[in-house]
PDB file of N, CA and C in Angstrom:
ATOM      1  N   MET A   1      21.100  13.026 -21.125  1.00  0.00           N
ATOM      2  CA  MET A   1      19.925  12.916 -20.337  1.00  0.00           C
ATOM      3  C   MET A   1      19.127  14.252 -20.074  1.00  0.00           C
ATOM      4  N   ILE A   2      17.825  14.074 -20.143  1.00  0.00           N
ATOM      5  CA  ILE A   2      16.871  15.201 -20.256  1.00  0.00           C
ATOM      6  C   ILE A   2      15.764  14.967 -19.157  1.00  0.00           C
ATOM      7  N   GLU A   3      15.469  15.941 -18.642  1.00  0.00           N
ATOM      8  CA  GLU A   3      14.449  15.873 -17.568  1.00  0.00           C
ATOM      9  C   GLU A   3      13.297  16.499 -18.258  1.00  0.00           C
ATOM     10  N   VAL A   4      11.993  15.643 -18.332  1.00  0.00           N
ATOM     11  CA  VAL A   4      10.741  16.078 -18.981  1.00  0.00           C
ATOM     12  C   VAL A   4       9.741  16.021 -17.806  1.00  0.00           C
ATOM     13  N   ILE A   5       8.693  16.909 -18.179  1.00  0.00           N
ATOM     14  CA  ILE A   5       7.462  16.617 -16.959  1.00  0.00           C
ATOM     15  C   ILE A   5       6.467  15.964 -17.850  1.00  0.00           C
ATOM     16  N   VAL A   6       5.666  15.267 -17.338  1.00  0.00           N
ATOM     17  CA  VAL A   6       4.926  14.286 -17.947  1.00  0.00           C
ATOM     18  C   VAL A   6       3.445  14.246 -17.167  1.00  0.00           C
ATOM     19  N   THR A   7       2.600  14.337 -17.879  1.00  0.00           N
ATOM     20  CA  THR A   7       1.175  14.316 -17.156  1.00  0.00           C
ATOM     21  C   THR A   7       0.524  13.072 -17.606  1.00  0.00           C
ATOM     22  N   VAL A   8       0.188  12.211 -16.652  1.00  0.00           N
ATOM     23  CA  VAL A   8      -0.419  10.884 -16.765  1.00  0.00           C
ATOM     24  C   VAL A   8      -1.645  10.896 -16.211  1.00  0.00           C
ATOM     25  N   LYS A   9      -2.762  10.427 -17.117  1.00  0.00           N
ATOM     26  CA  LYS A   9      -4.108  10.361 -16.463  1.00  0.00           C
ATOM     27  C   LYS A   9      -4.222   8.904 -16.003  1.00  0.00           C
ATOM     28  N   TYR A  10      -4.778   8.594 -14.850  1.00  0.00           N
ATOM     29  CA  TYR A  10      -4.991   7.691 -14.199  1.00  0.00           C
ATOM     30  C   TYR A  10      -6.041   7.447 -13.315  1.00  0.00           C
ATOM     31  N   LYS A  11      -6.938   6.326 -13.571  1.00  0.00           N
ATOM     32  CA  LYS A  11      -8.280   6.269 -12.670  1.00  0.00           C
ATOM     33  C   LYS A  11      -8.844   7.692 -12.688  1.00  0.00           C
ATOM     34  N   ASP A  12      -9.087   8.446 -13.863  1.00  0.00           N
ATOM     35  CA  ASP A  12      -9.788   9.615 -14.125  1.00  0.00           C
ATOM     36  C   ASP A  12      -9.232  10.923 -13.294  1.00  0.00           C
ATOM     37  N   LYS A  13      -7.874  10.714 -12.914  1.00  0.00           N
ATOM     38  CA  LYS A  13      -7.204  11.805 -12.075  1.00  0.00           C
ATOM     39  C   LYS A  13      -5.882  11.916 -12.896  1.00  0.00           C
ATOM     40  N   ASN A  14      -5.599  13.460 -13.133  1.00  0.00           N
ATOM     41  CA  ASN A  14      -4.183  13.747 -13.663  1.00  0.00           C
ATOM     42  C   ASN A  14      -3.231  13.797 -12.910  1.00  0.00           C
ATOM     43  N   TYR A  15      -2.038  13.148 -13.123  1.00  0.00           N
ATOM     44  CA  TYR A  15      -1.038  13.202 -12.281  1.00  0.00           C
ATOM     45  C   TYR A  15       0.509  13.970 -13.118  1.00  0.00           C
ATOM     46  N   GLN A  16       1.413  14.944 -12.367  1.00  0.00           N
ATOM     47  CA  GLN A  16       2.496  15.093 -13.301  1.00  0.00           C
ATOM     48  C   GLN A  16       3.704  14.657 -12.444  1.00  0.00           C
ATOM     49  N   THR A  17       4.616  14.421 -13.242  1.00  0.00           N
ATOM     50  CA  THR A  17       5.849  13.739 -12.390  1.00  0.00           C
ATOM     51  C   THR A  17       7.168  14.253 -13.764  1.00  0.00           C
ATOM     52  N   ASN A  18       8.505  14.453 -12.814  1.00  0.00           N
ATOM     53  CA  ASN A  18       9.333  14.749 -13.744  1.00  0.00           C
ATOM     54  C   ASN A  18      10.003  13.222 -13.984  1.00  0.00           C
ATOM     55  N   VAL A  19      10.697  12.787 -15.200  1.00  0.00           N
ATOM     56  CA  VAL A  19      11.100  11.898 -15.784  1.00  0.00           C
ATOM     57  C   VAL A  19      12.355  12.099 -16.626  1.00  0.00           C
ATOM     58  N   ILE A  20      13.574  11.468 -15.815  1.00  0.00           N
ATOM     59  CA  ILE A  20      14.941  11.642 -16.657  1.00  0.00           C
ATOM     60  C   ILE A  20      15.084  10.660 -17.763  1.00  0.00           C
ATOM     61  N   ILE A  21      15.252  11.157 -18.905  1.00  0.00           N
ATOM     62  CA  ILE A  21      15.371  10.369 -20.296  1.00  0.00           C
ATOM     63  C   ILE A  21      16.544  10.369 -21.034  1.00  0.00           C
ATOM     64  N   ASN A  22      16.345   9.615 -21.905  1.00  0.00           N
ATOM     65  CA  ASN A  22      17.556   9.646 -23.212  1.00  0.00           C
ATOM     66  C   ASN A  22      16.765  10.425 -24.245  1.00  0.00           C
ATOM     67  N   LYS A  23      17.394  11.076 -25.040  1.00  0.00           N
ATOM     68  CA  LYS A  23      16.912  11.307 -26.470  1.00  0.00           C
ATOM     69  C   LYS A  23      16.261  10.490 -27.264  1.00  0.00           C
ATOM     70  N   GLU A  24      16.875   9.363 -27.201  1.00  0.00           N
ATOM     71  CA  GLU A  24      16.400   8.190 -28.158  1.00  0.00           C
ATOM     72  C   GLU A  24      15.143   7.212 -27.546  1.00  0.00           C
ATOM     73  N   MET A  25      14.850   7.522 -26.515  1.00  0.00           N
ATOM     74  CA  MET A  25      13.509   6.910 -25.789  1.00  0.00           C
ATOM     75  C   MET A  25      12.212   6.769 -26.572  1.00  0.00           C
ATOM     76  N   SER A  26      11.657   5.898 -26.684  1.00  0.00           N
ATOM     77  CA  SER A  26      10.272   6.018 -27.245  1.00  0.00           C
ATOM     78  C   SER A  26       9.173   6.881 -26.396  1.00  0.00           C
ATOM     79  N   ASP A  27       8.166   7.260 -26.982  1.00  0.00           N
ATOM     80  CA  ASP A  27       7.042   7.853 -25.933  1.00  0.00           C
ATOM     81  C   ASP A  27       6.611   6.728 -25.242  1.00  0.00           C
ATOM     82  N   GLU A  28       6.671   5.396 -25.747  1.00  0.00           N
ATOM     83  CA  GLU A  28       5.875   4.631 -24.888  1.00  0.00           C
ATOM     84  C   GLU A  28       6.639   4.203 -23.795  1.00  0.00           C
ATOM     85  N   LYS A  29       7.946   4.349 -23.767  1.00  0.00           N
ATOM     86  CA  LYS A  29       8.717   3.816 -22.917  1.00  0.00           C
ATOM     87  C   LYS A  29       8.825   5.044 -21.627  1.00  0.00           C
ATOM     88  N   ILE A  30       8.883   6.386 -22.416  1.00  0.00           N
ATOM     89  CA  ILE A  30       8.605   7.370 -21.171  1.00  0.00           C
ATOM     90  C   ILE A  30       7.294   7.285 -20.545  1.00  0.00           C
ATOM     91  N   LYS A  31       5.967   7.067 -21.139  1.00  0.00           N
ATOM     92  CA  LYS A  31       4.936   6.837 -20.547  1.00  0.00           C
ATOM     93  C   LYS A  31       4.818   5.840 -19.462  1.00  0.00           C
ATOM     94  N   TYR A  32       5.639   4.605 -19.939  1.00  0.00           N
ATOM     95  CA  TYR A  32       5.738   3.656 -18.910  1.00  0.00           C
ATOM     96  C   TYR A  32       6.406   4.128 -17.490  1.00  0.00           C
ATOM     97  N   LEU A  33       7.470   4.730 -17.804  1.00  0.00           N
ATOM     98  CA  LEU A  33       8.415   5.128 -16.492  1.00  0.00           C
ATOM     99  C   LEU A  33       7.502   6.285 -15.891  1.00  0.00           C
ATOM    100  N   ALA A  34       6.820   7.048 -16.402  1.00  0.00           N
ATOM    101  CA  ALA A  34       5.873   8.101 -15.828  1.00  0.00           C
ATOM    102  C   ALA A  34       5.007   7.444 -14.778  1.00  0.00           C
ATOM    103  N   GLU A  35       4.238   6.288 -15.511  1.00  0.00           N
ATOM    104  CA  GLU A  35       3.374   5.539 -14.955  1.00  0.00           C
ATOM    105  C   GLU A  35       4.019   4.936 -13.643  1.00  0.00           C
ATOM    106  N   LYS A  36       4.613   4.244 -13.801  1.00  0.00           N
ATOM    107  CA  LYS A  36       5.536   3.491 -12.797  1.00  0.00           C
ATOM    108  C   LYS A  36       5.976   4.314 -11.621  1.00  0.00           C
ATOM    109  N   GLN A  37       6.386   5.469 -11.901  1.00  0.00           N
ATOM    110  CA  GLN A  37       6.759   6.695 -11.017  1.00  0.00           C
ATOM    111  C   GLN A  37       5.591   7.101  -9.994  1.00  0.00           C
ATOM    112  N   ILE A  38       4.411   7.341 -10.864  1.00  0.00           N
ATOM    113  CA  ILE A  38       3.264   7.837  -9.974  1.00  0.00           C
ATOM    114  C   ILE A  38       2.823   6.787  -9.188  1.00  0.00           C
ATOM    115  N   LYS A  39       2.759   5.825  -9.723  1.00  0.00           N
ATOM    116  CA  LYS A  39       2.165   4.623  -8.958  1.00  0.00           C
ATOM    117  C   LYS A  39       2.854   4.577  -7.469  1.00  0.00           C
ATOM    118  N   LYS A  40       4.237   4.538  -7.677  1.00  0.00           N
ATOM    119  CA  LYS A  40       5.180   4.655  -6.503  1.00  0.00           C
ATOM    120  C   LYS A  40       4.960   5.745  -5.466  1.00  0.00           C
ATOM    121  N   GLN A  41       4.985   6.964  -6.152  1.00  0.00           N
ATOM    122  CA  GLN A  41       5.011   8.152  -5.168  1.00  0.00           C
ATOM    123  C   GLN A  41       3.813   8.213  -4.679  1.00  0.00           C
ATOM    124  N   TRP A  42       2.388   7.817  -5.228  1.00  0.00           N
ATOM    125  CA  TRP A  42       1.077   8.028  -5.013  1.00  0.00           C
ATOM    126  C   TRP A  42       0.707   6.698  -4.023  1.00  0.00           C
ATOM    127  N   GLY A  43       1.325   5.439  -4.188  1.00  0.00           N
ATOM    128  CA  GLY A  43       1.173   4.201  -3.348  1.00  0.00           C
ATOM    129  C   GLY A  43      -0.381   3.711  -4.222  1.00  0.00           C
ATOM    130  N   ILE A  44      -0.303   3.872  -5.571  1.00  0.00           N
ATOM    131  CA  ILE A  44      -1.607   3.480  -6.120  1.00  0.00           C
ATOM    132  C   ILE A  44      -1.486   2.052  -6.776  1.00  0.00           C
TER     133      ILE A  44
END
């Protein structure tokens, strides 16, 4: 498991979040997890 910081652009704003991932995860899956976490944290 690795912790990465991901920047997500959502509705013309940039958000950063930490995501715990496996080395084998695809970029799309990482982006999906980050967006899901941003929406949950910010109530968007």
